[in-house]
Amino acid sequence: MPYTAAHRLQTKKNIIDSARKLFNRHGFENVSIGQIMAGAGLTHGGFYSYFGSKSDLYAEVMNCFFTDPEWKNCWEGVHIDLSATDVGAQIVKAYLSRQHFEDVENSCPMVALPTDVARSGVAARSAFETVFRAMVSVLERSMTNKNGASRSTAQAIAALSIGGMVVARTLVDRGHADELRAACIDAAMELGGWNQGTDSQPRSRAKSNGRVVRTLARQR
């Protein structure tokens, strides 16, 4: 009996989720299709019913909450409301939060996989660029400093947020890493004009899409 469309969709999602965690933890080259399928509770042979190659899967793993409304944020206590007026500040704090720093397996792929992407084919690089452009667009929309150079500033904030986390994770000294994250948050918040009137404590929001969305506390 053939599987239903809903079953196939869920199975594909399980494969992508398994691959994201393994790629984030071990890198693209060090993970086999067999390991990915085992992580999804499936056999190796079923892989090619869903993806043409590991590279095709890699491009889908590059998706993130900026481009996929079904992407579930897995960082405990960290939520982003893309419809909020202060979404730019939320994104900066989420990217550089302690929770994101510690949860390597559930990282946004732009943080965990940039070096892999640079060595990959056009499909993976295009997927990365799509997510990055989406992030920049959201940041630009919420900036308070409308000085004619908002797109350039949004690009700089995105790069600072992503790059800051990449560097922080390479540092051995946890205190140094925390200090770097805090410095990047301060710089990004100033660039975006989000310092004035931005509450530094968590606060409740109305329900959005069936869940409570809270403004992020500064994570240091």
Protein backbone atom coordinates (compact mmCIF):
# COMPACT_ATOMS: atom_id res chain seq x y z
CA MET A 1 0.00 0.00 0.00
CA PRO A 2 1.54 3.33 -1.07
CA TYR A 3 2.24 5.95 1.54
CA THR A 4 -0.02 9.00 1.70
CA ALA A 5 1.22 12.43 0.68
CA ALA A 6 1.13 13.53 4.31
CA HIS A 7 3.27 10.57 5.35
CA ARG A 8 5.84 11.29 2.65
CA LEU A 9 5.97 14.96 3.66
CA GLN A 10 6.56 14.07 7.31
CA THR A 11 9.21 11.50 6.37
CA LYS A 12 11.04 14.06 4.25
CA LYS A 13 10.92 16.53 7.14
CA ASN A 14 12.35 13.89 9.48
CA ILE A 15 15.25 13.30 7.09
CA ILE A 16 15.95 17.03 6.84
CA ASP A 17 15.82 17.44 10.63
CA SER A 18 18.21 14.51 11.09
CA ALA A 19 20.60 15.90 8.49
CA ARG A 20 20.53 19.40 10.00
CA LYS A 21 21.55 18.11 13.41
CA LEU A 22 24.30 15.85 12.05
CA PHE A 23 25.67 18.44 9.62
CA ASN A 24 25.69 21.09 12.35
CA ARG A 25 27.54 18.77 14.71
CA HIS A 26 29.98 17.02 12.36
CA GLY A 27 30.05 18.91 9.05
CA PHE A 28 28.79 17.89 5.63
CA GLU A 29 31.73 15.71 4.59
CA ASN A 30 31.81 13.71 7.82
CA VAL A 31 28.20 12.56 7.73
CA SER A 32 26.98 9.63 5.62
CA ILE A 33 23.56 9.07 4.10
CA GLY A 34 23.26 5.98 6.28
CA GLN A 35 23.79 8.04 9.43
CA ILE A 36 21.22 10.60 8.30
CA MET A 37 18.61 7.96 7.59
CA ALA A 38 19.32 6.15 10.86
CA GLY A 39 18.81 9.43 12.71
CA ALA A 40 15.40 9.69 11.06
CA GLY A 41 14.55 6.09 11.97
CA LEU A 42 14.75 4.94 8.36
CA THR A 43 16.86 2.64 6.20
CA HIS A 44 19.55 3.79 3.79
CA GLY A 45 17.67 2.56 0.73
CA GLY A 46 14.76 4.93 1.19
CA PHE A 47 16.89 8.06 0.81
CA TYR A 48 16.66 8.32 -2.98
CA SER A 49 12.89 8.29 -2.87
CA TYR A 50 13.14 11.80 -1.43
CA PHE A 51 16.45 13.31 -2.59
CA GLY A 52 18.62 12.91 -5.66
CA SER A 53 21.85 13.24 -3.70
CA LYS A 54 23.32 14.30 -0.38
CA SER A 55 24.03 17.70 -1.95
CA ASP A 56 20.35 18.14 -2.81
CA LEU A 57 19.48 17.40 0.81
CA TYR A 58 22.16 19.86 1.94
CA ALA A 59 20.49 22.69 0.03
CA GLU A 60 17.20 21.99 1.83
CA VAL A 61 18.94 21.85 5.21
CA MET A 62 20.06 25.44 4.58
CA ASN A 63 16.48 26.58 5.08
CA CYS A 64 15.73 28.58 8.21
CA PHE A 65 12.91 30.43 9.92
CA PHE A 66 13.38 33.39 7.57
CA THR A 67 12.31 31.33 4.57
CA ASP A 68 10.37 28.38 6.01
CA PRO A 69 7.23 29.16 8.06
CA GLU A 70 7.24 25.55 9.32
CA TRP A 71 10.79 25.78 10.71
CA LYS A 72 10.57 25.26 14.44
CA ASN A 73 12.82 27.32 16.64
CA CYS A 74 14.46 24.86 19.02
CA TRP A 75 16.37 27.20 21.30
CA GLU A 76 14.73 26.89 24.70
CA GLY A 77 13.29 30.16 25.94
CA VAL A 78 14.07 31.99 22.68
CA HIS A 79 11.23 33.00 20.38
CA ILE A 80 11.12 35.35 17.41
CA ASP A 81 7.96 37.08 16.25
CA LEU A 82 8.60 38.02 12.61
CA SER A 83 5.55 40.31 12.66
CA ALA A 84 6.75 42.40 15.61
CA THR A 85 8.01 45.94 15.17
CA ASP A 86 11.16 45.11 17.13
CA VAL A 87 11.93 41.91 15.22
CA GLY A 88 15.39 43.20 14.32
CA ALA A 89 16.38 43.41 17.97
CA GLN A 90 14.86 39.99 18.58
CA ILE A 91 16.88 38.43 15.77
CA VAL A 92 20.16 39.91 16.97
CA LYS A 93 19.57 38.69 20.53
CA ALA A 94 18.45 35.26 19.32
CA TYR A 95 21.45 34.73 17.09
CA LEU A 96 23.88 35.75 19.79
CA SER A 97 22.00 34.20 22.71
CA ARG A 98 23.46 31.74 25.18
CA GLN A 99 20.87 29.18 24.08
CA HIS A 100 21.93 29.35 20.42
CA PHE A 101 25.59 29.26 21.45
CA GLU A 102 25.08 26.04 23.41
CA ASP A 103 22.62 24.26 21.10
CA VAL A 104 24.96 23.36 18.24
CA GLU A 105 22.77 20.65 16.74
CA ASN A 106 19.82 23.03 16.31
CA SER A 107 21.83 25.98 15.04
CA CYS A 108 20.61 28.14 12.23
CA PRO A 109 22.57 26.65 9.30
CA MET A 110 24.05 30.05 8.43
CA VAL A 111 25.94 29.90 11.72
CA ALA A 112 26.95 26.25 11.70
CA LEU A 113 27.70 25.59 8.04
CA PRO A 114 29.26 28.63 6.28
CA THR A 115 32.62 26.99 5.55
CA ASP A 116 30.89 23.89 4.18
CA VAL A 117 28.71 26.06 1.96
CA ALA A 118 31.72 27.94 0.59
CA ARG A 119 33.19 24.63 -0.60
CA SER A 120 29.89 23.34 -1.99
CA GLY A 121 28.17 23.71 -5.32
CA VAL A 122 25.93 26.43 -6.64
CA ALA A 123 22.74 24.94 -5.16
CA ALA A 124 24.02 25.11 -1.57
CA ARG A 125 25.51 28.58 -2.00
CA SER A 126 22.28 29.82 -3.57
CA ALA A 127 20.29 28.39 -0.66
CA PHE A 128 22.60 30.14 1.82
CA GLU A 129 22.25 33.42 -0.09
CA THR A 130 18.45 33.12 -0.11
CA VAL A 131 18.35 32.75 3.67
CA PHE A 132 20.86 35.57 4.18
CA ARG A 133 18.89 37.92 1.93
CA ALA A 134 15.72 37.07 3.83
CA MET A 135 17.44 37.85 7.13
CA VAL A 136 18.70 41.17 5.78
CA SER A 137 15.22 42.05 4.53
CA VAL A 138 13.65 41.43 7.96
CA LEU A 139 16.37 43.43 9.71
CA GLU A 140 16.06 46.32 7.27
CA ARG A 141 12.29 46.47 7.71
CA SER A 142 12.56 46.91 11.47
CA MET A 143 15.43 49.40 11.60
CA THR A 144 14.69 52.73 13.25
CA ASN A 145 17.59 54.55 11.61
CA LYS A 146 16.09 55.31 8.20
CA ASN A 147 19.04 57.21 6.78
CA GLY A 148 19.10 55.99 3.19
CA ALA A 149 21.69 53.30 3.91
CA SER A 150 19.43 50.94 5.81
CA ARG A 151 20.10 47.97 3.51
CA SER A 152 23.86 48.28 3.87
CA THR A 153 23.48 48.59 7.62
CA ALA A 154 21.15 45.57 7.74
CA GLN A 155 23.72 43.54 5.80
CA ALA A 156 26.40 44.54 8.30
CA ILE A 157 24.17 43.58 11.25
CA ALA A 158 23.40 40.19 9.70
CA ALA A 159 27.08 39.49 9.09
CA LEU A 160 27.96 40.66 12.60
CA SER A 161 25.33 38.40 14.16
CA ILE A 162 26.26 35.32 12.15
CA GLY A 163 30.01 35.89 12.25
CA GLY A 164 29.98 36.78 15.93
CA MET A 165 28.47 33.42 16.81
CA VAL A 166 30.86 31.56 14.49
CA VAL A 167 33.88 33.16 16.18
CA ALA A 168 32.45 32.75 19.70
CA ARG A 169 32.12 29.01 19.15
CA THR A 170 35.77 28.71 18.16
CA LEU A 171 37.03 30.22 21.42
CA VAL A 172 38.21 27.91 24.20
CA ASP A 173 37.64 30.42 27.00
CA ARG A 174 33.88 30.52 27.69
CA GLY A 175 34.16 33.87 29.43
CA HIS A 176 35.85 35.34 26.36
CA ALA A 177 33.15 33.85 24.13
CA ASP A 178 30.38 35.35 26.28
CA GLU A 179 32.12 38.71 26.23
CA LEU A 180 32.34 38.59 22.45
CA ARG A 181 28.66 37.76 22.07
CA ALA A 182 27.70 40.64 24.35
CA ALA A 183 29.94 43.03 22.40
CA CYS A 184 28.38 41.95 19.11
CA ILE A 185 24.88 42.44 20.52
CA ASP A 186 25.77 45.97 21.69
CA ALA A 187 27.30 46.90 18.31
CA ALA A 188 24.43 45.45 16.29
CA MET A 189 21.80 47.09 18.48
CA GLU A 190 23.47 50.46 18.04
CA LEU A 191 23.75 50.02 14.28
CA GLY A 192 20.06 49.18 14.06
CA GLY A 193 18.98 52.01 16.34
CA TRP A 194 17.34 49.56 18.74
CA ASN A 195 18.98 50.80 21.95
CA GLN A 196 16.41 53.44 22.73
CA GLY A 197 13.18 52.07 24.14
CA THR A 198 14.20 48.43 23.84
CA ASP A 199 13.21 46.49 26.92
CA SER A 200 16.10 44.39 28.16
CA GLN A 201 13.84 42.01 30.11
CA PRO A 202 11.52 39.33 28.74
CA ARG A 203 7.94 40.48 28.38
CA SER A 204 4.74 38.80 27.28
CA ARG A 205 3.16 39.37 23.88
CA ALA A 206 -0.18 38.46 22.45
CA LYS A 207 -0.48 35.00 20.96
CA SER A 208 0.82 34.76 17.40
CA ASN A 209 0.14 31.69 15.27
CA GLY A 210 -1.16 29.86 18.32
CA ARG A 211 1.80 30.43 20.62
CA VAL A 212 2.97 33.09 23.01
CA VAL A 213 5.85 35.13 21.58
CA ARG A 214 8.13 36.94 23.99
CA THR A 215 10.67 39.64 23.37
CA LEU A 216 14.10 38.23 24.01
CA ALA A 217 16.13 39.14 27.04
CA ARG A 218 19.70 40.06 26.44
CA GLN A 219 21.64 36.83 26.76
CA ARG A 220 25.15 37.33 28.07
